[in-house]
Amino acid sequence: MDKALQLESRFSLPPNSLGYCGKKTAAYKFKQCIINGKCDGVKKEVTGFIVLYPYLKLLNKITKQPKFSKQTIEGYWLGNEILNKAKPKDYLLLLGYFQKQGVPGFFIKELKEKMPKKFIPSHLFQVLHVGVGRASGSVPFNLETVNDCMIRWGKVQSVTKNTATVDLNSLKTKNGRTYELTLAKTKVPFDRQLVLGLKKGDTVAVHWKMIIKILNDDEVKNIGFWTKEVLKLKFPA
């Protein structure tokens, strides 16, 4: 059982199921990996994700961790210490990987013109700096899609048959200019096969309106810390 690929499958399943990232063949493989530990084909499917795979390649390049190691996957989606190794110059390396992956040239040119003072190669950086949906054109960029795409997390307050009410760490705009964290009580659907034993009091991760993981203490600490680190960069809303 490959725990790293299971972790990757959890985070990649929601946007793929919605048709935003990767091929139609991926969702079944992701579910098989999560539920049954059969992860054949997951790596190949991930190579078709237009922005995810470039980040995994970048983290491999700058940290020497394998692209599909637990450290690399966790670093991108939740954050961990490997993100400290990234330097502003590595942003240009990411754009090169974007180009190879098929991101439109006009958009790469636009991204080159907004070099970050600090580069944190994480999912939330992608959501806010590059812009959710902008590389693929899959969704509009606005506060709703930012919240749907970011990995939100929070404590479960109640559970019914197939939904849970969660106090979710979400984003709101501050003075209409930047983003800040806020708690939003939200009803979120879940698949019991994907989050076995989900109960009141658990802290969960949510991606694209779907509970994808019950988080352990270290994961809660990491996502809380790195979310705040990314928000310190003060991306314009």
Protein backbone atom coordinates (compact mmCIF):
# COMPACT_ATOMS: atom_id res chain seq x y z
CA MET A 1 0.00 0.00 0.00
CA ASP A 2 1.50 3.31 -1.11
CA LYS A 3 0.47 5.93 1.44
CA ALA A 4 2.00 8.73 -0.61
CA LEU A 5 -0.09 7.88 -3.67
CA GLN A 6 -3.17 7.48 -1.48
CA LEU A 7 -2.58 10.99 -0.16
CA GLU A 8 -2.17 12.32 -3.69
CA SER A 9 -5.30 10.51 -4.82
CA ARG A 10 -7.38 12.09 -2.06
CA PHE A 11 -6.47 15.62 -3.06
CA SER A 12 -6.65 15.03 -6.82
CA LEU A 13 -9.98 13.19 -6.84
CA PRO A 14 -12.39 16.13 -6.32
CA PRO A 15 -11.19 18.45 -9.13
CA ASN A 16 -10.75 15.49 -11.46
CA SER A 17 -14.27 14.23 -10.73
CA LEU A 18 -15.56 17.69 -11.67
CA GLY A 19 -13.67 17.65 -14.96
CA TYR A 20 -11.25 20.44 -14.02
CA CYS A 21 -7.94 18.55 -14.00
CA GLY A 22 -6.58 15.42 -15.64
CA LYS A 23 -8.30 12.78 -17.73
CA LYS A 24 -11.66 11.07 -17.26
CA THR A 25 -9.87 7.81 -16.55
CA ALA A 26 -8.28 9.13 -13.36
CA ALA A 27 -11.18 9.21 -10.87
CA TYR A 28 -11.66 5.44 -10.83
CA LYS A 29 -7.93 4.88 -10.27
CA PHE A 30 -7.83 7.45 -7.48
CA LYS A 31 -10.75 5.77 -5.70
CA GLN A 32 -9.19 2.33 -6.08
CA CYS A 33 -5.99 3.68 -4.55
CA ILE A 34 -7.73 5.31 -1.59
CA ILE A 35 -10.21 2.56 -0.81
CA ASN A 36 -8.37 -0.64 -1.76
CA GLY A 37 -4.71 0.42 -1.78
CA LYS A 38 -4.44 -0.50 -5.47
CA CYS A 39 -2.56 2.48 -6.90
CA ASP A 40 -1.59 1.23 -10.37
CA GLY A 41 -1.80 4.05 -12.88
CA VAL A 42 -2.05 6.90 -10.37
CA LYS A 43 1.37 8.35 -11.19
CA LYS A 44 0.62 8.35 -14.91
CA GLU A 45 -2.72 10.10 -14.35
CA VAL A 46 -1.09 12.81 -12.24
CA THR A 47 1.40 13.58 -15.02
CA GLY A 48 -1.60 14.84 -17.01
CA PHE A 49 -2.53 17.52 -14.45
CA ILE A 50 -1.59 20.84 -16.01
CA VAL A 51 -0.31 22.62 -12.88
CA LEU A 52 0.01 19.92 -10.20
CA TYR A 53 2.67 17.91 -11.98
CA PRO A 54 4.95 20.93 -12.60
CA TYR A 55 4.93 21.63 -8.85
CA LEU A 56 5.86 18.03 -8.03
CA LYS A 57 8.70 18.25 -10.58
CA LEU A 58 9.87 21.53 -9.07
CA LEU A 59 9.84 20.20 -5.50
CA ASN A 60 11.79 17.16 -6.68
CA LYS A 61 14.35 19.44 -8.33
CA ILE A 62 14.93 21.75 -5.37
CA THR A 63 14.62 19.24 -2.49
CA LYS A 64 15.89 16.00 -4.12
CA GLN A 65 12.81 14.26 -2.72
CA PRO A 66 11.12 11.95 -5.28
CA LYS A 67 8.18 13.54 -7.10
CA PHE A 68 5.76 11.03 -5.61
CA SER A 69 7.21 10.80 -2.12
CA LYS A 70 4.98 11.54 0.86
CA GLN A 71 7.15 14.55 1.73
CA THR A 72 6.70 16.09 -1.73
CA ILE A 73 2.97 15.42 -1.98
CA GLU A 74 2.29 16.61 1.56
CA GLY A 75 4.49 19.66 0.99
CA TYR A 76 2.46 20.79 -2.00
CA TRP A 77 -1.04 20.12 -0.66
CA LEU A 78 -0.73 20.77 3.09
CA GLY A 79 2.72 22.29 3.53
CA ASN A 80 5.76 21.02 5.41
CA GLU A 81 9.41 21.93 5.99
CA ILE A 82 10.55 21.20 2.41
CA LEU A 83 8.86 24.43 1.29
CA ASN A 84 11.61 26.32 3.13
CA LYS A 85 14.07 25.23 0.45
CA ALA A 86 12.36 27.24 -2.30
CA LYS A 87 13.96 30.50 -3.46
CA PRO A 88 12.40 33.28 -5.57
CA LYS A 89 14.54 32.25 -8.57
CA ASP A 90 12.87 28.81 -8.50
CA TYR A 91 9.63 30.48 -9.61
CA LEU A 92 11.11 30.81 -13.10
CA LEU A 93 11.91 27.12 -13.07
CA LEU A 94 8.24 26.43 -12.28
CA LEU A 95 7.17 28.55 -15.25
CA GLY A 96 9.46 26.49 -17.46
CA TYR A 97 7.72 23.34 -16.27
CA PHE A 98 4.36 25.02 -16.89
CA GLN A 99 5.40 25.67 -20.49
CA LYS A 100 6.38 22.02 -21.00
CA GLN A 101 3.03 20.97 -19.53
CA GLY A 102 1.08 23.05 -22.04
CA VAL A 103 0.14 26.19 -20.12
CA PRO A 104 -0.50 28.91 -22.75
CA GLY A 105 2.49 31.09 -23.60
CA PHE A 106 0.62 34.38 -23.13
CA PHE A 107 -0.24 33.38 -19.57
CA ILE A 108 3.32 32.34 -18.77
CA LYS A 109 4.48 35.73 -20.03
CA GLU A 110 1.96 37.38 -17.70
CA LEU A 111 3.20 35.29 -14.76
CA LYS A 112 6.82 36.27 -15.48
CA GLU A 113 5.82 39.89 -14.99
CA LYS A 114 4.63 39.26 -11.43
CA MET A 115 7.63 37.63 -9.81
CA PRO A 116 6.91 36.97 -6.12
CA LYS A 117 9.25 38.42 -3.49
CA LYS A 118 8.93 35.11 -1.66
CA PHE A 119 8.11 31.83 -3.39
CA ILE A 120 6.18 29.14 -1.53
CA PRO A 121 5.49 26.31 -4.01
CA SER A 122 2.29 25.10 -2.38
CA HIS A 123 -1.27 24.59 -3.52
CA LEU A 124 -2.52 27.78 -1.89
CA PHE A 125 0.22 29.78 -3.63
CA GLN A 126 -1.02 28.29 -6.89
CA VAL A 127 -4.63 29.18 -6.06
CA LEU A 128 -3.89 32.82 -5.16
CA HIS A 129 -0.83 33.81 -7.21
CA VAL A 130 -1.27 31.88 -10.44
CA GLY A 131 -5.04 31.91 -9.94
CA VAL A 132 -7.50 29.03 -9.67
CA GLY A 133 -8.61 27.97 -13.14
CA ARG A 134 -6.48 30.50 -14.99
CA ALA A 135 -3.95 28.04 -16.43
CA SER A 136 -6.63 25.68 -17.73
CA GLY A 137 -9.61 28.02 -18.14
CA SER A 138 -11.75 25.48 -16.26
CA VAL A 139 -13.41 27.88 -13.79
CA PRO A 140 -13.64 31.66 -13.23
CA PHE A 141 -11.32 33.26 -10.71
CA ASN A 142 -13.35 34.67 -7.81
CA LEU A 143 -13.71 34.31 -4.04
CA GLU A 144 -16.05 31.34 -4.35
CA THR A 145 -13.71 29.32 -6.56
CA VAL A 146 -10.71 30.33 -4.42
CA ASN A 147 -12.45 28.83 -1.38
CA ASP A 148 -13.57 25.76 -3.29
CA CYS A 149 -10.09 25.10 -4.66
CA MET A 150 -7.99 25.85 -1.57
CA ILE A 151 -7.57 23.06 0.95
CA ARG A 152 -9.88 24.18 3.72
CA TRP A 153 -9.86 22.49 7.09
CA GLY A 154 -11.88 22.50 10.27
CA LYS A 155 -13.60 20.60 13.05
CA VAL A 156 -16.68 18.50 12.39
CA GLN A 157 -19.65 19.73 14.43
CA SER A 158 -22.20 17.12 13.35
CA VAL A 159 -22.55 14.20 10.95
CA THR A 160 -25.60 12.92 9.07
CA LYS A 161 -25.85 10.08 6.56
CA ASN A 162 -23.80 11.72 3.82
CA THR A 163 -23.03 15.28 4.94
CA ALA A 164 -21.13 16.84 7.82
CA THR A 165 -21.32 20.33 9.26
CA VAL A 166 -17.79 21.69 9.58
CA ASP A 167 -16.36 24.92 10.98
CA LEU A 168 -14.13 25.49 7.98
CA ASN A 169 -11.11 27.74 7.85
CA SER A 170 -11.94 29.72 4.73
CA LEU A 171 -10.91 32.99 3.09
CA LYS A 172 -12.65 36.34 2.98
CA THR A 173 -11.47 39.58 1.45
CA LYS A 174 -10.06 42.26 3.74
CA ASN A 175 -11.06 45.77 2.67
CA GLY A 176 -11.66 44.28 -0.77
CA ARG A 177 -7.91 44.12 -1.34
CA THR A 178 -6.30 41.08 0.28
CA TYR A 179 -7.33 37.77 1.83
CA GLU A 180 -7.63 36.72 5.45
CA LEU A 181 -8.82 33.61 7.28
CA THR A 182 -12.31 33.30 8.67
CA LEU A 183 -14.37 30.42 10.05
CA ALA A 184 -17.40 29.43 8.00
CA LYS A 185 -19.90 26.84 9.24
CA THR A 186 -20.44 24.72 6.12
CA LYS A 187 -22.37 21.57 5.19
CA VAL A 188 -20.05 19.34 3.20
CA PRO A 189 -20.84 16.02 1.49
CA PHE A 190 -18.64 12.99 1.99
CA ASP A 191 -18.23 9.41 0.83
CA ARG A 192 -17.99 7.02 3.79
CA GLN A 193 -15.63 4.77 1.84
CA LEU A 194 -13.14 7.62 1.56
CA VAL A 195 -13.28 8.83 5.17
CA LEU A 196 -13.95 5.74 7.25
CA GLY A 197 -15.30 6.38 10.73
CA LEU A 198 -15.87 10.11 10.27
CA LYS A 199 -17.35 11.54 13.45
CA LYS A 200 -18.06 14.72 15.38
CA GLY A 201 -14.85 16.27 16.68
CA ASP A 202 -12.64 15.10 13.81
CA THR A 203 -10.63 17.73 11.96
CA VAL A 204 -11.02 17.24 8.22
CA ALA A 205 -9.65 18.59 4.95
CA VAL A 206 -12.12 19.75 2.28
CA HIS A 207 -11.40 20.21 -1.43
CA TRP A 208 -13.98 21.30 -3.99
CA LYS A 209 -16.91 20.82 -1.56
CA MET A 210 -15.83 17.30 -0.62
CA ILE A 211 -14.38 15.95 2.63
CA ILE A 212 -11.25 14.14 1.52
CA LYS A 213 -9.29 13.32 4.67
CA ILE A 214 -9.44 13.12 8.45
CA LEU A 215 -6.33 15.05 9.45
CA ASN A 216 -3.87 14.03 12.15
CA ASP A 217 -2.33 16.58 14.54
CA ASP A 218 0.81 17.13 12.44
CA GLU A 219 -1.25 17.72 9.30
CA VAL A 220 -3.46 20.24 11.10
CA LYS A 221 -0.36 22.05 12.36
CA ASN A 222 1.21 22.09 8.88
CA ILE A 223 -1.78 23.37 6.96
CA GLY A 224 -2.47 26.03 9.58
CA PHE A 225 1.12 27.27 9.58
CA TRP A 226 1.66 27.25 5.81
CA THR A 227 -1.71 28.77 5.00
CA LYS A 228 -0.78 31.72 7.19
CA GLU A 229 2.68 31.93 5.62
CA VAL A 230 1.18 32.14 2.12
CA LEU A 231 -1.36 34.76 3.23
CA LYS A 232 1.49 36.92 4.53
CA LEU A 233 2.44 37.46 0.88
CA LYS A 234 -0.76 39.56 0.60
CA PHE A 235 -2.08 38.58 -2.81
CA PRO A 236 -4.49 41.12 -4.28
CA ALA A 237 -8.14 40.02 -4.11
